[in-house]
Amino acid sequence: MSAELLKALRDVVGREHVLHKPEDLLVYELDGTIDRSLPDAVVFPANTE
């Protein structure tokens, strides 16, 4: 994921709501299937606006 995209995500939802370090993403590599895929980032918006 590009630095520009990470910055844009942080600008929208705030730095504390964007995970991108590999050690933070490990828990999100599983989705209930047998396939594993490490995401590039995980974003937690505070609201729908």
PDB file of N, CA and C in Angstrom:
ATOM      1  N   MET A   1       0.853  -1.162   0.000  1.00  0.00           N
ATOM      2  CA  MET A   1       0.000   0.000   0.000  1.00  0.00           C
ATOM      3  C   MET A   1       0.902   1.229   0.000  1.00  0.00           C
ATOM      4  N   SER A   2       0.544   2.186  -0.806  1.00  0.00           N
ATOM      5  CA  SER A   2       1.380   3.376  -0.941  1.00  0.00           C
ATOM      6  C   SER A   2       1.276   4.274   0.290  1.00  0.00           C
ATOM      7  N   ALA A   3       2.312   5.041   0.511  1.00  0.00           N
ATOM      8  CA  ALA A   3       2.328   5.999   1.613  1.00  0.00           C
ATOM      9  C   ALA A   3       1.237   7.047   1.435  1.00  0.00           C
ATOM     10  N   GLU A   4       0.959   7.402   0.191  1.00  0.00           N
ATOM     11  CA  GLU A   4      -0.081   8.401  -0.085  1.00  0.00           C
ATOM     12  C   GLU A   4      -1.458   7.894   0.335  1.00  0.00           C
ATOM     13  N   LEU A   5      -1.736   6.630   0.049  1.00  0.00           N
ATOM     14  CA  LEU A   5      -3.029   6.055   0.426  1.00  0.00           C
ATOM     15  C   LEU A   5      -3.155   5.943   1.944  1.00  0.00           C
ATOM     16  N   LEU A   6      -2.101   5.518   2.618  1.00  0.00           N
ATOM     17  CA  LEU A   6      -2.135   5.456   4.078  1.00  0.00           C
ATOM     18  C   LEU A   6      -2.387   6.836   4.675  1.00  0.00           C
ATOM     19  N   LYS A   7      -1.727   7.848   4.135  1.00  0.00           N
ATOM     20  CA  LYS A   7      -1.931   9.214   4.620  1.00  0.00           C
ATOM     21  C   LYS A   7      -3.370   9.658   4.394  1.00  0.00           C
ATOM     22  N   ALA A   8      -3.917   9.350   3.231  1.00  0.00           N
ATOM     23  CA  ALA A   8      -5.300   9.731   2.933  1.00  0.00           C
ATOM     24  C   ALA A   8      -6.269   9.056   3.901  1.00  0.00           C
ATOM     25  N   LEU A   9      -6.054   7.783   4.189  1.00  0.00           N
ATOM     26  CA  LEU A   9      -6.912   7.078   5.144  1.00  0.00           C
ATOM     27  C   LEU A   9      -6.812   7.701   6.533  1.00  0.00           C
ATOM     28  N   ARG A  10      -5.590   8.006   6.956  1.00  0.00           N
ATOM     29  CA  ARG A  10      -5.394   8.643   8.266  1.00  0.00           C
ATOM     30  C   ARG A  10      -6.049  10.014   8.322  1.00  0.00           C
ATOM     31  N   ASP A  11      -5.968  10.748   7.238  1.00  0.00           N
ATOM     32  CA  ASP A  11      -6.591  12.075   7.191  1.00  0.00           C
ATOM     33  C   ASP A  11      -8.104  11.981   7.352  1.00  0.00           C
ATOM     34  N   VAL A  12      -8.700  10.922   6.822  1.00  0.00           N
ATOM     35  CA  VAL A  12     -10.156  10.762   6.886  1.00  0.00           C
ATOM     36  C   VAL A  12     -10.612  10.252   8.253  1.00  0.00           C
ATOM     37  N   VAL A  13      -9.987   9.189   8.753  1.00  0.00           N
ATOM     38  CA  VAL A  13     -10.484   8.550   9.981  1.00  0.00           C
ATOM     39  C   VAL A  13      -9.625   8.802  11.212  1.00  0.00           C
ATOM     40  N   GLY A  14      -8.456   9.360  11.042  1.00  0.00           N
ATOM     41  CA  GLY A  14      -7.542   9.590  12.155  1.00  0.00           C
ATOM     42  C   GLY A  14      -6.491   8.501  12.248  1.00  0.00           C
ATOM     43  N   ARG A  15      -5.303   8.898  12.635  1.00  0.00           N
ATOM     44  CA  ARG A  15      -4.151   7.983  12.715  1.00  0.00           C
ATOM     45  C   ARG A  15      -4.440   6.760  13.585  1.00  0.00           C
ATOM     46  N   GLU A  16      -5.131   6.971  14.696  1.00  0.00           N
ATOM     47  CA  GLU A  16      -5.378   5.877  15.643  1.00  0.00           C
ATOM     48  C   GLU A  16      -6.352   4.832  15.112  1.00  0.00           C
ATOM     49  N   HIS A  17      -7.006   5.113  13.992  1.00  0.00           N
ATOM     50  CA  HIS A  17      -7.989   4.190  13.419  1.00  0.00           C
ATOM     51  C   HIS A  17      -7.472   3.437  12.192  1.00  0.00           C
ATOM     52  N   VAL A  18      -6.162   3.530  11.918  1.00  0.00           N
ATOM     53  CA  VAL A  18      -5.575   2.843  10.763  1.00  0.00           C
ATOM     54  C   VAL A  18      -4.416   1.971  11.243  1.00  0.00           C
ATOM     55  N   LEU A  19      -4.531   0.671  11.011  1.00  0.00           N
ATOM     56  CA  LEU A  19      -3.447  -0.262  11.322  1.00  0.00           C
ATOM     57  C   LEU A  19      -2.744  -0.638  10.029  1.00  0.00           C
ATOM     58  N   HIS A  20      -1.400  -0.668  10.055  1.00  0.00           N
ATOM     59  CA  HIS A  20      -0.678  -1.059   8.848  1.00  0.00           C
ATOM     60  C   HIS A  20       0.605  -1.831   9.134  1.00  0.00           C
ATOM     61  N   LYS A  21       1.022  -1.911  10.388  1.00  0.00           N
ATOM     62  CA  LYS A  21       2.225  -2.662  10.733  1.00  0.00           C
ATOM     63  C   LYS A  21       1.905  -4.158  10.699  1.00  0.00           C
ATOM     64  N   PRO A  22       2.809  -4.964  10.145  1.00  0.00           N
ATOM     65  CA  PRO A  22       2.546  -6.407  10.026  1.00  0.00           C
ATOM     66  C   PRO A  22       2.139  -7.067  11.341  1.00  0.00           C
ATOM     67  N   GLU A  23       2.775  -6.681  12.440  1.00  0.00           N
ATOM     68  CA  GLU A  23       2.440  -7.303  13.727  1.00  0.00           C
ATOM     69  C   GLU A  23       1.025  -6.944  14.186  1.00  0.00           C
ATOM     70  N   ASP A  24       0.509  -5.807  13.757  1.00  0.00           N
ATOM     71  CA  ASP A  24      -0.865  -5.422  14.092  1.00  0.00           C
ATOM     72  C   ASP A  24      -1.889  -6.105  13.189  1.00  0.00           C
ATOM     73  N   LEU A  25      -1.465  -6.499  11.998  1.00  0.00           N
ATOM     74  CA  LEU A  25      -2.381  -7.064  11.005  1.00  0.00           C
ATOM     75  C   LEU A  25      -2.560  -8.577  11.115  1.00  0.00           C
ATOM     76  N   LEU A  26      -1.676  -9.253  11.829  1.00  0.00           N
ATOM     77  CA  LEU A  26      -1.722 -10.722  11.896  1.00  0.00           C
ATOM     78  C   LEU A  26      -3.077 -11.257  12.327  1.00  0.00           C
ATOM     79  N   VAL A  27      -3.698 -10.624  13.283  1.00  0.00           N
ATOM     80  CA  VAL A  27      -4.987 -11.108  13.788  1.00  0.00           C
ATOM     81  C   VAL A  27      -6.087 -10.993  12.729  1.00  0.00           C
ATOM     82  N   TYR A  28      -5.880 -10.187  11.705  1.00  0.00           N
ATOM     83  CA  TYR A  28      -6.893  -9.966  10.671  1.00  0.00           C
ATOM     84  C   TYR A  28      -6.650 -10.800   9.407  1.00  0.00           C
ATOM     85  N   GLU A  29      -5.681 -11.725   9.429  1.00  0.00           N
ATOM     86  CA  GLU A  29      -5.399 -12.521   8.236  1.00  0.00           C
ATOM     87  C   GLU A  29      -6.386 -13.672   8.042  1.00  0.00           C
ATOM     88  N   LEU A  30      -7.229 -13.948   9.021  1.00  0.00           N
ATOM     89  CA  LEU A  30      -8.222 -15.017   8.921  1.00  0.00           C
ATOM     90  C   LEU A  30      -9.625 -14.434   8.900  1.00  0.00           C
ATOM     91  N   ASP A  31     -10.501 -15.041   8.094  1.00  0.00           N
ATOM     92  CA  ASP A  31     -11.878 -14.545   8.013  1.00  0.00           C
ATOM     93  C   ASP A  31     -12.917 -15.656   8.151  1.00  0.00           C
ATOM     94  N   GLY A  32     -12.544 -16.751   8.746  1.00  0.00           N
ATOM     95  CA  GLY A  32     -13.488 -17.853   8.911  1.00  0.00           C
ATOM     96  C   GLY A  32     -13.347 -18.933   7.852  1.00  0.00           C
ATOM     97  N   THR A  33     -12.545 -18.690   6.837  1.00  0.00           N
ATOM     98  CA  THR A  33     -12.268 -19.703   5.823  1.00  0.00           C
ATOM     99  C   THR A  33     -10.895 -20.298   6.108  1.00  0.00           C
ATOM    100  N   ILE A  34     -10.485 -21.288   5.336  1.00  0.00           N
ATOM    101  CA  ILE A  34      -9.168 -21.887   5.555  1.00  0.00           C
ATOM    102  C   ILE A  34      -8.051 -21.076   4.900  1.00  0.00           C
ATOM    103  N   ASP A  35      -8.412 -20.128   4.072  1.00  0.00           N
ATOM    104  CA  ASP A  35      -7.414 -19.301   3.396  1.00  0.00           C
ATOM    105  C   ASP A  35      -6.940 -18.179   4.304  1.00  0.00           C
ATOM    106  N   ARG A  36      -5.637 -17.924   4.265  1.00  0.00           N
ATOM    107  CA  ARG A  36      -5.050 -16.818   5.020  1.00  0.00           C
ATOM    108  C   ARG A  36      -4.570 -15.765   4.036  1.00  0.00           C
ATOM    109  N   SER A  37      -4.794 -14.526   4.383  1.00  0.00           N
ATOM    110  CA  SER A  37      -4.337 -13.424   3.545  1.00  0.00           C
ATOM    111  C   SER A  37      -4.135 -12.207   4.428  1.00  0.00           C
ATOM    112  N   LEU A  38      -2.905 -11.754   4.533  1.00  0.00           N
ATOM    113  CA  LEU A  38      -2.591 -10.593   5.354  1.00  0.00           C
ATOM    114  C   LEU A  38      -3.053  -9.330   4.637  1.00  0.00           C
ATOM    115  N   PRO A  39      -3.890  -8.525   5.277  1.00  0.00           N
ATOM    116  CA  PRO A  39      -4.357  -7.296   4.628  1.00  0.00           C
ATOM    117  C   PRO A  39      -3.238  -6.264   4.555  1.00  0.00           C
ATOM    118  N   ASP A  40      -3.364  -5.320   3.645  1.00  0.00           N
ATOM    119  CA  ASP A  40      -2.410  -4.215   3.559  1.00  0.00           C
ATOM    120  C   ASP A  40      -2.621  -3.237   4.699  1.00  0.00           C
ATOM    121  N   ALA A  41      -3.865  -3.081   5.114  1.00  0.00           N
ATOM    122  CA  ALA A  41      -4.215  -2.181   6.214  1.00  0.00           C
ATOM    123  C   ALA A  41      -5.592  -2.570   6.727  1.00  0.00           C
ATOM    124  N   VAL A  42      -5.885  -2.125   7.950  1.00  0.00           N
ATOM    125  CA  VAL A  42      -7.211  -2.285   8.534  1.00  0.00           C
ATOM    126  C   VAL A  42      -7.634  -0.905   9.011  1.00  0.00           C
ATOM    127  N   VAL A  43      -8.854  -0.509   8.640  1.00  0.00           N
ATOM    128  CA  VAL A  43      -9.351   0.829   8.966  1.00  0.00           C
ATOM    129  C   VAL A  43     -10.611   0.700   9.808  1.00  0.00           C
ATOM    130  N   PHE A  44     -10.660   1.448  10.900  1.00  0.00           N
ATOM    131  CA  PHE A  44     -11.799   1.449  11.816  1.00  0.00           C
ATOM    132  C   PHE A  44     -12.428   2.840  11.848  1.00  0.00           C
ATOM    133  N   PRO A  45     -13.373   3.127  10.971  1.00  0.00           N
ATOM    134  CA  PRO A  45     -14.018   4.442  11.026  1.00  0.00           C
ATOM    135  C   PRO A  45     -14.829   4.588  12.316  1.00  0.00           C
ATOM    136  N   ALA A  46     -14.838   5.784  12.870  1.00  0.00           N
ATOM    137  CA  ALA A  46     -15.567   6.041  14.112  1.00  0.00           C
ATOM    138  C   ALA A  46     -17.064   6.177  13.879  1.00  0.00           C
ATOM    139  N   ASN A  47     -17.447   6.606  12.658  1.00  0.00           N
ATOM    140  CA  ASN A  47     -18.864   6.758  12.338  1.00  0.00           C
ATOM    141  C   ASN A  47     -19.055   6.640  10.830  1.00  0.00           C
ATOM    142  N   THR A  48     -20.273   6.783  10.375  1.00  0.00           N
ATOM    143  CA  THR A  48     -20.563   6.605   8.949  1.00  0.00           C
ATOM    144  C   THR A  48     -20.435   7.884   8.138  1.00  0.00           C
ATOM    145  N   GLU A  49     -20.087   8.975   8.756  1.00  0.00           N
ATOM    146  CA  GLU A  49     -19.961  10.247   8.033  1.00  0.00           C
ATOM    147  C   GLU A  49     -18.563  10.471   7.515  1.00  0.00           C
TER     148      GLU A  49
END
